[in-house]
Structures are given as C-alpha cells and as structure tokens.
Amino acid sequence: MSEQPRIGLVDCNNFYVSCERVFRPDLIGKPVMVLSNNDGCVVARSQEVKDLGIKMGVPLFQVQQIVNQHQIQLFSSNYTL
C-alpha cells in the first residue's frame, strides 16, 4: 500500500510583524505595519493597526494621516528574515 502525500498549511497571524517583534521586543503592544517590497502597500498589520481600521493591501499614501496620528511604526518587508 503506497502512502498518500500529506500537505500541511500554517497560517501565522501578523507574520511579518511577529518576525520584527522577535528582534525588537520594544514593539510589542505598539502599532506596527510592514510594507511591500517597494514600500507601497501594507502587507502585515499588528492587531493595534487592525483595530484602527487599516485594511490589508491598502496603499500607504491612503493611510499616511492615520500612520502619523497614531505613530504607527513602519518597516519594509524583510524576506531574508
């Protein structure tokens, strides 16, 4: 009897934000966003940012006022990390 291949899927909440917080624990509890590789769009949001109503994939320029008002920490995506 041959073994059927198994497929696993892991969906991590706020993945890129969580990676940044591993190396910067001072970011825990603060609003953090990670931007696409050209820093144009939001690709990851901390819960604090989600609570402000910022949606995934939104262009940064559309939410810049909210970013400034709430001192959201911005990071470029770090695929090597």
PDB file of N, CA and C in Angstrom:
ATOM      1  N   MET A   1       0.847  -1.168   0.000  1.00  0.00           N
ATOM      2  CA  MET A   1       0.000   0.000   0.000  1.00  0.00           C
ATOM      3  C   MET A   1       0.899   1.240   0.000  1.00  0.00           C
ATOM      4  N   SER A   2       0.669   2.148  -0.955  1.00  0.00           N
ATOM      5  CA  SER A   2       1.505   3.344  -1.033  1.00  0.00           C
ATOM      6  C   SER A   2       0.946   4.446  -0.126  1.00  0.00           C
ATOM      7  N   GLU A   3       1.835   5.183   0.399  1.00  0.00           N
ATOM      8  CA  GLU A   3       1.493   6.291   1.295  1.00  0.00           C
ATOM      9  C   GLU A   3       1.006   7.488   0.473  1.00  0.00           C
ATOM     10  N   GLN A   4      -0.120   8.073   0.848  1.00  0.00           N
ATOM     11  CA  GLN A   4      -0.623   9.278   0.193  1.00  0.00           C
ATOM     12  C   GLN A   4       0.190  10.475   0.665  1.00  0.00           C
ATOM     13  N   PRO A   5       0.520  11.414  -0.240  1.00  0.00           N
ATOM     14  CA  PRO A   5       1.253  12.594   0.207  1.00  0.00           C
ATOM     15  C   PRO A   5       0.412  13.414   1.183  1.00  0.00           C
ATOM     16  N   ARG A   6       1.082  14.035   2.122  1.00  0.00           N
ATOM     17  CA  ARG A   6       0.405  14.874   3.103  1.00  0.00           C
ATOM     18  C   ARG A   6       0.810  16.320   2.868  1.00  0.00           C
ATOM     19  N   ILE A   7      -0.144  17.176   3.015  1.00  0.00           N
ATOM     20  CA  ILE A   7       0.096  18.601   2.820  1.00  0.00           C
ATOM     21  C   ILE A   7      -0.295  19.324   4.095  1.00  0.00           C
ATOM     22  N   GLY A   8       0.570  20.210   4.530  1.00  0.00           N
ATOM     23  CA  GLY A   8       0.280  21.000   5.719  1.00  0.00           C
ATOM     24  C   GLY A   8       0.236  22.475   5.367  1.00  0.00           C
ATOM     25  N   LEU A   9      -0.600  23.207   6.047  1.00  0.00           N
ATOM     26  CA  LEU A   9      -0.709  24.634   5.844  1.00  0.00           C
ATOM     27  C   LEU A   9      -0.610  25.324   7.197  1.00  0.00           C
ATOM     28  N   VAL A  10       0.275  26.300   7.286  1.00  0.00           N
ATOM     29  CA  VAL A  10       0.420  27.071   8.513  1.00  0.00           C
ATOM     30  C   VAL A  10       0.075  28.514   8.188  1.00  0.00           C
ATOM     31  N   ASP A  11      -0.889  29.065   8.881  1.00  0.00           N
ATOM     32  CA  ASP A  11      -1.294  30.451   8.686  1.00  0.00           C
ATOM     33  C   ASP A  11      -0.951  31.198   9.963  1.00  0.00           C
ATOM     34  N   CYS A  12       0.057  32.044   9.880  1.00  0.00           N
ATOM     35  CA  CYS A  12       0.516  32.781  11.061  1.00  0.00           C
ATOM     36  C   CYS A  12      -0.132  34.156  11.101  1.00  0.00           C
ATOM     37  N   ASN A  13      -0.660  34.513  12.235  1.00  0.00           N
ATOM     38  CA  ASN A  13      -1.302  35.810  12.423  1.00  0.00           C
ATOM     39  C   ASN A  13      -0.241  36.900  12.497  1.00  0.00           C
ATOM     40  N   ASN A  14      -0.396  37.951  11.677  1.00  0.00           N
ATOM     41  CA  ASN A  14       0.536  39.094  11.695  1.00  0.00           C
ATOM     42  C   ASN A  14       1.976  38.650  11.474  1.00  0.00           C
ATOM     43  N   PHE A  15       2.220  37.730  10.562  1.00  0.00           N
ATOM     44  CA  PHE A  15       3.508  37.047  10.453  1.00  0.00           C
ATOM     45  C   PHE A  15       4.703  37.991  10.398  1.00  0.00           C
ATOM     46  N   TYR A  16       4.724  38.909   9.450  1.00  0.00           N
ATOM     47  CA  TYR A  16       5.895  39.781   9.317  1.00  0.00           C
ATOM     48  C   TYR A  16       6.045  40.705  10.527  1.00  0.00           C
ATOM     49  N   VAL A  17       4.947  41.125  11.091  1.00  0.00           N
ATOM     50  CA  VAL A  17       5.013  41.945  12.307  1.00  0.00           C
ATOM     51  C   VAL A  17       5.588  41.104  13.451  1.00  0.00           C
ATOM     52  N   SER A  18       5.141  39.874  13.564  1.00  0.00           N
ATOM     53  CA  SER A  18       5.652  38.997  14.618  1.00  0.00           C
ATOM     54  C   SER A  18       7.153  38.775  14.470  1.00  0.00           C
ATOM     55  N   CYS A  19       7.627  38.627  13.225  1.00  0.00           N
ATOM     56  CA  CYS A  19       9.071  38.461  12.992  1.00  0.00           C
ATOM     57  C   CYS A  19       9.831  39.696  13.448  1.00  0.00           C
ATOM     58  N   GLU A  20       9.336  40.869  13.116  1.00  0.00           N
ATOM     59  CA  GLU A  20      10.006  42.103  13.545  1.00  0.00           C
ATOM     60  C   GLU A  20      10.047  42.202  15.071  1.00  0.00           C
ATOM     61  N   ARG A  21       8.985  41.780  15.722  1.00  0.00           N
ATOM     62  CA  ARG A  21       8.910  41.885  17.183  1.00  0.00           C
ATOM     63  C   ARG A  21       9.839  40.908  17.891  1.00  0.00           C
ATOM     64  N   VAL A  22      10.216  39.821  17.220  1.00  0.00           N
ATOM     65  CA  VAL A  22      11.186  38.902  17.815  1.00  0.00           C
ATOM     66  C   VAL A  22      12.504  39.624  18.070  1.00  0.00           C
ATOM     67  N   PHE A  23      12.909  40.445  17.093  1.00  0.00           N
ATOM     68  CA  PHE A  23      14.178  41.159  17.201  1.00  0.00           C
ATOM     69  C   PHE A  23      14.045  42.534  17.841  1.00  0.00           C
ATOM     70  N   ARG A  24      12.811  43.014  17.937  1.00  0.00           N
ATOM     71  CA  ARG A  24      12.548  44.335  18.547  1.00  0.00           C
ATOM     72  C   ARG A  24      11.390  44.201  19.529  1.00  0.00           C
ATOM     73  N   PRO A  25      11.631  43.585  20.680  1.00  0.00           N
ATOM     74  CA  PRO A  25      10.548  43.393  21.650  1.00  0.00           C
ATOM     75  C   PRO A  25       9.937  44.695  22.142  1.00  0.00           C
ATOM     76  N   ASP A  26      10.626  45.814  21.936  1.00  0.00           N
ATOM     77  CA  ASP A  26      10.062  47.101  22.332  1.00  0.00           C
ATOM     78  C   ASP A  26       8.836  47.463  21.497  1.00  0.00           C
ATOM     79  N   LEU A  27       8.626  46.746  20.396  1.00  0.00           N
ATOM     80  CA  LEU A  27       7.466  46.991  19.531  1.00  0.00           C
ATOM     81  C   LEU A  27       6.199  46.287  20.010  1.00  0.00           C
ATOM     82  N   ILE A  28       6.339  45.389  20.961  1.00  0.00           N
ATOM     83  CA  ILE A  28       5.177  44.640  21.456  1.00  0.00           C
ATOM     84  C   ILE A  28       4.192  45.621  22.085  1.00  0.00           C
ATOM     85  N   GLY A  29       2.946  45.534  21.658  1.00  0.00           N
ATOM     86  CA  GLY A  29       1.898  46.402  22.173  1.00  0.00           C
ATOM     87  C   GLY A  29       1.775  47.720  21.433  1.00  0.00           C
ATOM     88  N   LYS A  30       2.668  47.974  20.493  1.00  0.00           N
ATOM     89  CA  LYS A  30       2.616  49.204  19.712  1.00  0.00           C
ATOM     90  C   LYS A  30       2.092  48.910  18.310  1.00  0.00           C
ATOM     91  N   PRO A  31       1.492  49.913  17.663  1.00  0.00           N
ATOM     92  CA  PRO A  31       1.004  49.684  16.296  1.00  0.00           C
ATOM     93  C   PRO A  31       2.167  49.573  15.308  1.00  0.00           C
ATOM     94  N   VAL A  32       2.183  48.476  14.551  1.00  0.00           N
ATOM     95  CA  VAL A  32       3.270  48.194  13.618  1.00  0.00           C
ATOM     96  C   VAL A  32       2.676  47.727  12.289  1.00  0.00           C
ATOM     97  N   MET A  33       3.261  48.235  11.190  1.00  0.00           N
ATOM     98  CA  MET A  33       2.879  47.775   9.855  1.00  0.00           C
ATOM     99  C   MET A  33       4.146  47.410   9.093  1.00  0.00           C
ATOM    100  N   VAL A  34       4.043  46.382   8.271  1.00  0.00           N
ATOM    101  CA  VAL A  34       5.114  46.013   7.355  1.00  0.00           C
ATOM    102  C   VAL A  34       4.593  46.265   5.950  1.00  0.00           C
ATOM    103  N   LEU A  35       5.438  46.868   5.141  1.00  0.00           N
ATOM    104  CA  LEU A  35       5.050  47.283   3.792  1.00  0.00           C
ATOM    105  C   LEU A  35       5.637  46.352   2.747  1.00  0.00           C
ATOM    106  N   SER A  36       5.061  46.391   1.556  1.00  0.00           N
ATOM    107  CA  SER A  36       5.523  45.570   0.441  1.00  0.00           C
ATOM    108  C   SER A  36       6.962  45.913   0.084  1.00  0.00           C
ATOM    109  N   ASN A  37       7.563  45.104  -0.787  1.00  0.00           N
ATOM    110  CA  ASN A  37       8.988  45.279  -1.081  1.00  0.00           C
ATOM    111  C   ASN A  37       9.328  46.633  -1.695  1.00  0.00           C
ATOM    112  N   ASN A  38       8.357  47.356  -2.211  1.00  0.00           N
ATOM    113  CA  ASN A  38       8.618  48.720  -2.692  1.00  0.00           C
ATOM    114  C   ASN A  38       8.024  49.760  -1.739  1.00  0.00           C
ATOM    115  N   ASP A  39       7.641  49.322  -0.549  1.00  0.00           N
ATOM    116  CA  ASP A  39       7.049  50.169   0.496  1.00  0.00           C
ATOM    117  C   ASP A  39       5.778  50.876   0.031  1.00  0.00           C
ATOM    118  N   GLY A  40       5.078  50.281  -0.914  1.00  0.00           N
ATOM    119  CA  GLY A  40       3.881  50.913  -1.435  1.00  0.00           C
ATOM    120  C   GLY A  40       2.600  50.521  -0.730  1.00  0.00           C
ATOM    121  N   CYS A  41       2.507  49.261  -0.292  1.00  0.00           N
ATOM    122  CA  CYS A  41       1.248  48.747   0.265  1.00  0.00           C
ATOM    123  C   CYS A  41       1.497  47.992   1.570  1.00  0.00           C
ATOM    124  N   VAL A  42       0.461  47.923   2.361  1.00  0.00           N
ATOM    125  CA  VAL A  42       0.510  47.219   3.642  1.00  0.00           C
ATOM    126  C   VAL A  42       0.401  45.715   3.400  1.00  0.00           C
ATOM    127  N   VAL A  43       1.389  44.956   3.909  1.00  0.00           N
ATOM    128  CA  VAL A  43       1.344  43.501   3.772  1.00  0.00           C
ATOM    129  C   VAL A  43       1.183  42.783   5.112  1.00  0.00           C
ATOM    130  N   ALA A  44       1.389  43.495   6.222  1.00  0.00           N
ATOM    131  CA  ALA A  44       1.172  42.896   7.544  1.00  0.00           C
ATOM    132  C   ALA A  44       0.837  44.008   8.519  1.00  0.00           C
ATOM    133  N   ARG A  45      -0.089  43.687   9.442  1.00  0.00           N
ATOM    134  CA  ARG A  45      -0.558  44.680  10.419  1.00  0.00           C
ATOM    135  C   ARG A  45      -0.626  44.039  11.790  1.00  0.00           C
ATOM    136  N   SER A  46      -0.172  44.777  12.783  1.00  0.00           N
ATOM    137  CA  SER A  46      -0.358  44.305  14.156  1.00  0.00           C
ATOM    138  C   SER A  46      -1.837  44.449  14.506  1.00  0.00           C
ATOM    139  N   GLN A  47      -2.248  43.818  15.577  1.00  0.00           N
ATOM    140  CA  GLN A  47      -3.648  43.923  15.999  1.00  0.00           C
ATOM    141  C   GLN A  47      -4.008  45.373  16.284  1.00  0.00           C
ATOM    142  N   GLU A  48      -3.056  46.140  16.815  1.00  0.00           N
ATOM    143  CA  GLU A  48      -3.312  47.548  17.106  1.00  0.00           C
ATOM    144  C   GLU A  48      -3.657  48.322  15.831  1.00  0.00           C
ATOM    145  N   VAL A  49      -2.995  47.997  14.734  1.00  0.00           N
ATOM    146  CA  VAL A  49      -3.279  48.641  13.443  1.00  0.00           C
ATOM    147  C   VAL A  49      -4.612  48.155  12.886  1.00  0.00           C
ATOM    148  N   LYS A  50      -4.877  46.876  13.004  1.00  0.00           N
ATOM    149  CA  LYS A  50      -6.168  46.341  12.549  1.00  0.00           C
ATOM    150  C   LYS A  50      -7.312  47.039  13.283  1.00  0.00           C
ATOM    151  N   ASP A  51      -7.125  47.283  14.581  1.00  0.00           N
ATOM    152  CA  ASP A  51      -8.155  47.944  15.376  1.00  0.00           C
ATOM    153  C   ASP A  51      -8.405  49.383  14.927  1.00  0.00           C
ATOM    154  N   LEU A  52      -7.424  49.990  14.248  1.00  0.00           N
ATOM    155  CA  LEU A  52      -7.592  51.346  13.700  1.00  0.00           C
ATOM    156  C   LEU A  52      -8.332  51.328  12.364  1.00  0.00           C
ATOM    157  N   GLY A  53      -8.619  50.133  11.845  1.00  0.00           N
ATOM    158  CA  GLY A  53      -9.397  50.007  10.622  1.00  0.00           C
ATOM    159  C   GLY A  53      -8.577  49.985   9.341  1.00  0.00           C
ATOM    160  N   ILE A  54      -7.262  49.882   9.447  1.00  0.00           N
ATOM    161  CA  ILE A  54      -6.419  49.825   8.245  1.00  0.00           C
ATOM    162  C   ILE A  54      -6.497  48.425   7.663  1.00  0.00           C
ATOM    163  N   LYS A  55      -6.814  48.342   6.387  1.00  0.00           N
ATOM    164  CA  LYS A  55      -7.021  47.061   5.702  1.00  0.00           C
ATOM    165  C   LYS A  55      -5.725  46.552   5.070  1.00  0.00           C
ATOM    166  N   MET A  56      -5.666  45.252   4.866  1.00  0.00           N
ATOM    167  CA  MET A  56      -4.547  44.612   4.189  1.00  0.00           C
ATOM    168  C   MET A  56      -4.505  45.069   2.733  1.00  0.00           C
ATOM    169  N   GLY A  57      -3.312  45.367   2.239  1.00  0.00           N
ATOM    170  CA  GLY A  57      -3.129  45.710   0.835  1.00  0.00           C
ATOM    171  C   GLY A  57      -3.365  47.168   0.486  1.00  0.00           C
ATOM    172  N   VAL A  58      -3.792  47.963   1.454  1.00  0.00           N
ATOM    173  CA  VAL A  58      -4.072  49.375   1.183  1.00  0.00           C
ATOM    174  C   VAL A  58      -2.756  50.099   0.885  1.00  0.00           C
ATOM    175  N   PRO A  59      -2.751  51.012  -0.091  1.00  0.00           N
ATOM    176  CA  PRO A  59      -1.541  51.804  -0.355  1.00  0.00           C
ATOM    177  C   PRO A  59      -1.224  52.711   0.834  1.00  0.00           C
ATOM    178  N   LEU A  60       0.048  52.830   1.144  1.00  0.00           N
ATOM    179  CA  LEU A  60       0.476  53.618   2.287  1.00  0.00           C
ATOM    180  C   LEU A  60      -0.014  55.057   2.198  1.00  0.00           C
ATOM    181  N   PHE A  61       0.028  55.659   1.019  1.00  0.00           N
ATOM    182  CA  PHE A  61      -0.355  57.070   0.907  1.00  0.00           C
ATOM    183  C   PHE A  61      -1.801  57.309   1.331  1.00  0.00           C
ATOM    184  N   GLN A  62      -2.652  56.278   1.227  1.00  0.00           N
ATOM    185  CA  GLN A  62      -4.057  56.440   1.606  1.00  0.00           C
ATOM    186  C   GLN A  62      -4.270  56.462   3.115  1.00  0.00           C
ATOM    187  N   VAL A  63      -3.324  55.941   3.858  1.00  0.00           N
ATOM    188  CA  VAL A  63      -3.470  55.879   5.323  1.00  0.00           C
ATOM    189  C   VAL A  63      -2.374  56.658   6.048  1.00  0.00           C
ATOM    190  N   GLN A  64      -1.614  57.466   5.309  1.00  0.00           N
ATOM    191  CA  GLN A  64      -0.480  58.183   5.895  1.00  0.00           C
ATOM    192  C   GLN A  64      -0.896  59.063   7.080  1.00  0.00           C
ATOM    193  N   GLN A  65      -2.066  59.683   6.995  1.00  0.00           N
ATOM    194  CA  GLN A  65      -2.529  60.541   8.094  1.00  0.00           C
ATOM    195  C   GLN A  65      -2.755  59.719   9.364  1.00  0.00           C
ATOM    196  N   ILE A  66      -3.337  58.548   9.230  1.00  0.00           N
ATOM    197  CA  ILE A  66      -3.562  57.671  10.388  1.00  0.00           C
ATOM    198  C   ILE A  66      -2.220  57.205  10.949  1.00  0.00           C
ATOM    199  N   VAL A  67      -1.285  56.882  10.056  1.00  0.00           N
ATOM    200  CA  VAL A  67       0.054  56.454  10.476  1.00  0.00           C
ATOM    201  C   VAL A  67       0.702  57.541  11.327  1.00  0.00           C
ATOM    202  N   ASN A  68       0.647  58.764  10.856  1.00  0.00           N
ATOM    203  CA  ASN A  68       1.246  59.877  11.591  1.00  0.00           C
ATOM    204  C   ASN A  68       0.522  60.142  12.910  1.00  0.00           C
ATOM    205  N   GLN A  69      -0.792  60.122  12.872  1.00  0.00           N
ATOM    206  CA  GLN A  69      -1.601  60.425  14.050  1.00  0.00           C
ATOM    207  C   GLN A  69      -1.370  59.422  15.183  1.00  0.00           C
ATOM    208  N   HIS A  70      -1.202  58.148  14.822  1.00  0.00           N
ATOM    209  CA  HIS A  70      -1.086  57.093  15.837  1.00  0.00           C
ATOM    210  C   HIS A  70       0.343  56.585  15.998  1.00  0.00           C
ATOM    211  N   GLN A  71       1.289  57.269  15.360  1.00  0.00           N
ATOM    212  CA  GLN A  71       2.707  56.911  15.453  1.00  0.00           C
ATOM    213  C   GLN A  71       2.930  55.424  15.163  1.00  0.00           C
ATOM    214  N   ILE A  72       2.337  54.974  14.065  1.00  0.00           N
ATOM    215  CA  ILE A  72       2.498  53.582  13.645  1.00  0.00           C
ATOM    216  C   ILE A  72       3.935  53.387  13.165  1.00  0.00           C
ATOM    217  N   GLN A  73       4.580  52.359  13.667  1.00  0.00           N
ATOM    218  CA  GLN A  73       5.937  52.020  13.255  1.00  0.00           C
ATOM    219  C   GLN A  73       5.873  51.296  11.907  1.00  0.00           C
ATOM    220  N   LEU A  74       6.647  51.769  10.935  1.00  0.00           N
ATOM    221  CA  LEU A  74       6.654  51.187   9.596  1.00  0.00           C
ATOM    222  C   LEU A  74       7.957  50.442   9.341  1.00  0.00           C
ATOM    223  N   PHE A  75       7.837  49.289   8.675  1.00  0.00           N
ATOM    224  CA  PHE A  75       9.010  48.504   8.302  1.00  0.00           C
ATOM    225  C   PHE A  75       8.851  48.026   6.863  1.00  0.00           C
ATOM    226  N   SER A  76       9.957  47.991   6.143  1.00  0.00           N
ATOM    227  CA  SER A  76       9.969  47.370   4.834  1.00  0.00           C
ATOM    228  C   SER A  76       9.939  45.872   5.022  1.00  0.00           C
ATOM    229  N   SER A  77       9.324  45.161   4.096  1.00  0.00           N
ATOM    230  CA  SER A  77       9.316  43.697   4.218  1.00  0.00           C
ATOM    231  C   SER A  77      10.740  43.179   4.125  1.00  0.00           C
ATOM    232  N   ASN A  78      11.044  42.204   4.939  1.00  0.00           N
ATOM    233  CA  ASN A  78      12.381  41.637   5.018  1.00  0.00           C
ATOM    234  C   ASN A  78      12.255  40.146   4.737  1.00  0.00           C
ATOM    235  N   TYR A  79      12.294  39.784   3.451  1.00  0.00           N
ATOM    236  CA  TYR A  79      12.067  38.386   3.083  1.00  0.00           C
ATOM    237  C   TYR A  79      13.207  37.489   3.529  1.00  0.00           C
ATOM    238  N   THR A  80      14.410  38.040   3.673  1.00  0.00           N
ATOM    239  CA  THR A  80      15.536  37.259   4.177  1.00  0.00           C
ATOM    240  C   THR A  80      15.271  36.809   5.609  1.00  0.00           C
ATOM    241  N   LEU A  81      14.698  37.728   6.401  1.00  0.00           N
ATOM    242  CA  LEU A  81      14.355  37.425   7.788  1.00  0.00           C
ATOM    243  C   LEU A  81      13.380  36.264   7.843  1.00  0.00           C
TER     244      LEU A  81
END
